[in-house]
């Protein structure tokens, strides 16, 4: 079983384009990327691989998720 990475000391950040409303925060570790809700203290962390995160970011930049 794969162990969940420790995000307790991670540096979390959100986009500079974020407003005061709901956003997500991201923390990048050497082995994984954590994603959480910025408005909920102690929000659960969704963990993805760095490769998955890179593919997601590339898709956003390419406009793959625009309606």
N, C-alpha and C. Protein backbone atom coordinates (compact mmCIF):
# COMPACT_ATOMS: atom_id res chain seq x y z
N UNK A 1 0.85 -1.19 0.00
CA UNK A 1 0.00 0.00 0.00
C UNK A 1 0.89 1.24 0.00
N UNK A 2 0.55 2.20 -0.84
CA UNK A 2 1.32 3.43 -0.94
C UNK A 2 0.96 4.36 0.22
N UNK A 3 1.98 4.97 0.80
CA UNK A 3 1.77 5.85 1.95
C UNK A 3 1.42 7.26 1.48
N UNK A 4 0.48 7.91 2.16
CA UNK A 4 0.09 9.28 1.84
C UNK A 4 1.22 10.23 2.23
N UNK A 5 1.62 11.12 1.32
CA UNK A 5 2.68 12.09 1.64
C UNK A 5 2.26 13.00 2.80
N UNK A 6 3.24 13.48 3.53
CA UNK A 6 3.01 14.38 4.67
C UNK A 6 3.00 15.83 4.18
N UNK A 7 1.85 16.46 4.24
CA UNK A 7 1.72 17.85 3.82
C UNK A 7 1.72 18.82 5.00
N UNK A 8 2.02 18.34 6.20
CA UNK A 8 1.92 19.19 7.40
C UNK A 8 2.88 20.38 7.38
N UNK A 9 4.00 20.26 6.70
CA UNK A 9 4.96 21.37 6.62
C UNK A 9 5.02 21.97 5.22
N UNK A 10 4.09 21.59 4.37
CA UNK A 10 4.10 22.05 2.98
C UNK A 10 3.77 23.53 2.88
N UNK A 11 4.29 24.17 1.85
CA UNK A 11 3.96 25.56 1.55
C UNK A 11 2.81 25.56 0.55
N UNK A 12 1.66 26.02 0.99
CA UNK A 12 0.45 26.04 0.16
C UNK A 12 0.34 27.38 -0.54
N UNK A 13 -0.14 27.37 -1.77
CA UNK A 13 -0.34 28.62 -2.50
C UNK A 13 -1.59 28.50 -3.37
N UNK A 14 -2.11 29.67 -3.76
CA UNK A 14 -3.23 29.70 -4.69
C UNK A 14 -2.92 30.70 -5.78
N UNK A 15 -3.65 30.64 -6.85
CA UNK A 15 -3.41 31.48 -8.01
C UNK A 15 -3.50 32.96 -7.67
N UNK A 16 -2.69 33.75 -8.33
CA UNK A 16 -2.77 35.21 -8.18
C UNK A 16 -4.08 35.73 -8.76
N UNK A 17 -4.75 34.93 -9.59
CA UNK A 17 -6.02 35.33 -10.20
C UNK A 17 -7.20 35.04 -9.29
N UNK A 18 -6.95 34.47 -8.14
CA UNK A 18 -8.04 34.13 -7.21
C UNK A 18 -8.63 35.39 -6.60
N UNK A 19 -9.91 35.36 -6.42
CA UNK A 19 -10.58 36.47 -5.72
C UNK A 19 -10.69 36.12 -4.25
N UNK A 20 -11.59 36.78 -3.55
CA UNK A 20 -11.79 36.51 -2.14
C UNK A 20 -12.73 35.32 -1.91
N UNK A 21 -13.31 34.83 -2.98
CA UNK A 21 -14.24 33.70 -2.88
C UNK A 21 -13.50 32.38 -2.77
N UNK A 22 -14.21 31.32 -3.03
CA UNK A 22 -13.65 29.98 -2.91
C UNK A 22 -12.59 29.71 -3.95
N UNK A 23 -11.53 29.12 -3.50
CA UNK A 23 -10.42 28.77 -4.37
C UNK A 23 -9.83 27.46 -3.88
N UNK A 24 -8.92 26.96 -4.67
CA UNK A 24 -8.15 25.81 -4.22
C UNK A 24 -6.73 26.26 -3.97
N UNK A 25 -6.07 25.54 -3.09
CA UNK A 25 -4.66 25.76 -2.81
C UNK A 25 -3.90 24.52 -3.25
N UNK A 26 -2.65 24.72 -3.62
CA UNK A 26 -1.82 23.62 -4.10
C UNK A 26 -0.51 23.64 -3.34
N UNK A 27 -0.01 22.46 -3.03
CA UNK A 27 1.32 22.30 -2.44
C UNK A 27 2.06 21.26 -3.25
N UNK A 28 3.28 21.60 -3.68
CA UNK A 28 4.05 20.69 -4.50
C UNK A 28 5.20 20.12 -3.68
N UNK A 29 5.19 18.81 -3.54
CA UNK A 29 6.26 18.08 -2.85
C UNK A 29 7.12 17.38 -3.90
N UNK A 30 8.27 16.88 -3.52
CA UNK A 30 9.11 16.18 -4.49
C UNK A 30 8.43 14.97 -5.14
N UNK A 31 7.53 14.32 -4.44
CA UNK A 31 6.92 13.10 -4.96
C UNK A 31 5.44 13.22 -5.28
N UNK A 32 4.79 14.31 -4.92
CA UNK A 32 3.34 14.42 -5.10
C UNK A 32 2.90 15.88 -5.05
N UNK A 33 1.65 16.08 -5.45
CA UNK A 33 1.02 17.41 -5.39
C UNK A 33 -0.26 17.28 -4.59
N UNK A 34 -0.46 18.20 -3.64
CA UNK A 34 -1.67 18.21 -2.84
C UNK A 34 -2.56 19.36 -3.27
N UNK A 35 -3.87 19.11 -3.27
CA UNK A 35 -4.86 20.11 -3.65
C UNK A 35 -5.91 20.14 -2.55
N UNK A 36 -6.25 21.34 -2.07
CA UNK A 36 -7.26 21.44 -1.01
C UNK A 36 -8.10 22.70 -1.18
N UNK A 37 -9.22 22.73 -0.48
CA UNK A 37 -10.13 23.87 -0.47
C UNK A 37 -9.53 24.96 0.41
N UNK A 38 -9.40 26.16 -0.13
CA UNK A 38 -8.77 27.25 0.63
C UNK A 38 -9.67 27.85 1.69
N UNK A 39 -10.99 27.66 1.58
CA UNK A 39 -11.88 28.30 2.55
C UNK A 39 -12.24 27.42 3.73
N UNK A 40 -11.78 26.17 3.71
CA UNK A 40 -12.10 25.25 4.80
C UNK A 40 -10.84 24.89 5.56
N UNK A 41 -10.76 25.33 6.79
CA UNK A 41 -9.60 25.00 7.61
C UNK A 41 -9.50 23.48 7.77
N UNK A 42 -8.32 22.96 7.63
CA UNK A 42 -8.06 21.51 7.72
C UNK A 42 -8.82 20.72 6.67
N UNK A 43 -8.98 21.32 5.51
CA UNK A 43 -9.66 20.65 4.40
C UNK A 43 -8.92 19.36 4.04
N UNK A 44 -9.65 18.32 3.62
CA UNK A 44 -8.97 17.11 3.15
C UNK A 44 -8.10 17.45 1.94
N UNK A 45 -7.04 16.71 1.76
CA UNK A 45 -6.10 16.94 0.67
C UNK A 45 -6.30 15.87 -0.40
N UNK A 46 -6.48 16.30 -1.62
CA UNK A 46 -6.49 15.40 -2.77
C UNK A 46 -5.04 15.30 -3.23
N UNK A 47 -4.54 14.08 -3.34
CA UNK A 47 -3.14 13.86 -3.71
C UNK A 47 -3.07 13.29 -5.12
N UNK A 48 -2.24 13.92 -5.97
CA UNK A 48 -2.00 13.43 -7.33
C UNK A 48 -0.49 13.38 -7.54
N UNK A 49 -0.08 12.61 -8.54
CA UNK A 49 1.34 12.56 -8.85
C UNK A 49 1.76 13.86 -9.54
N UNK A 50 3.04 14.10 -9.56
CA UNK A 50 3.53 15.30 -10.26
C UNK A 50 3.25 15.21 -11.75
N UNK A 51 3.31 14.00 -12.31
CA UNK A 51 2.99 13.83 -13.74
C UNK A 51 1.52 14.15 -14.01
N UNK A 52 0.63 13.71 -13.13
CA UNK A 52 -0.79 14.03 -13.29
C UNK A 52 -1.03 15.53 -13.20
N UNK A 53 -0.37 16.18 -12.25
CA UNK A 53 -0.50 17.63 -12.11
C UNK A 53 0.00 18.35 -13.36
N UNK A 54 1.15 17.92 -13.87
CA UNK A 54 1.71 18.54 -15.08
C UNK A 54 0.76 18.39 -16.27
N UNK A 55 0.14 17.21 -16.41
CA UNK A 55 -0.81 16.99 -17.49
C UNK A 55 -2.04 17.89 -17.33
N UNK A 56 -2.51 18.06 -16.10
CA UNK A 56 -3.66 18.94 -15.84
C UNK A 56 -3.32 20.39 -16.20
N UNK A 57 -2.18 20.88 -15.74
CA UNK A 57 -1.78 22.26 -16.02
C UNK A 57 -1.62 22.47 -17.53
N UNK A 58 -1.03 21.51 -18.22
CA UNK A 58 -0.88 21.61 -19.68
C UNK A 58 -2.26 21.67 -20.35
N UNK A 59 -3.22 20.90 -19.86
CA UNK A 59 -4.57 20.93 -20.40
C UNK A 59 -5.25 22.27 -20.18
N UNK A 60 -5.05 22.85 -19.00
CA UNK A 60 -5.62 24.17 -18.71
C UNK A 60 -5.03 25.21 -19.67
N UNK A 61 -3.71 25.17 -19.82
CA UNK A 61 -3.06 26.14 -20.70
C UNK A 61 -3.48 25.98 -22.15
N UNK A 62 -3.80 24.75 -22.56
CA UNK A 62 -4.22 24.48 -23.94
C UNK A 62 -5.71 24.75 -24.16
N UNK A 63 -6.44 25.11 -23.09
CA UNK A 63 -7.86 25.40 -23.19
C UNK A 63 -8.76 24.19 -23.26
N UNK A 64 -8.27 23.03 -22.84
CA UNK A 64 -9.03 21.80 -22.92
C UNK A 64 -10.28 21.79 -22.03
N UNK A 65 -10.35 22.67 -21.05
CA UNK A 65 -11.47 22.63 -20.10
C UNK A 65 -12.42 23.80 -20.28
N UNK A 66 -12.23 24.57 -21.32
CA UNK A 66 -13.10 25.73 -21.56
C UNK A 66 -14.38 25.26 -22.22
N UNK A 67 -15.47 25.86 -21.81
CA UNK A 67 -16.78 25.46 -22.31
C UNK A 67 -17.11 26.12 -23.56
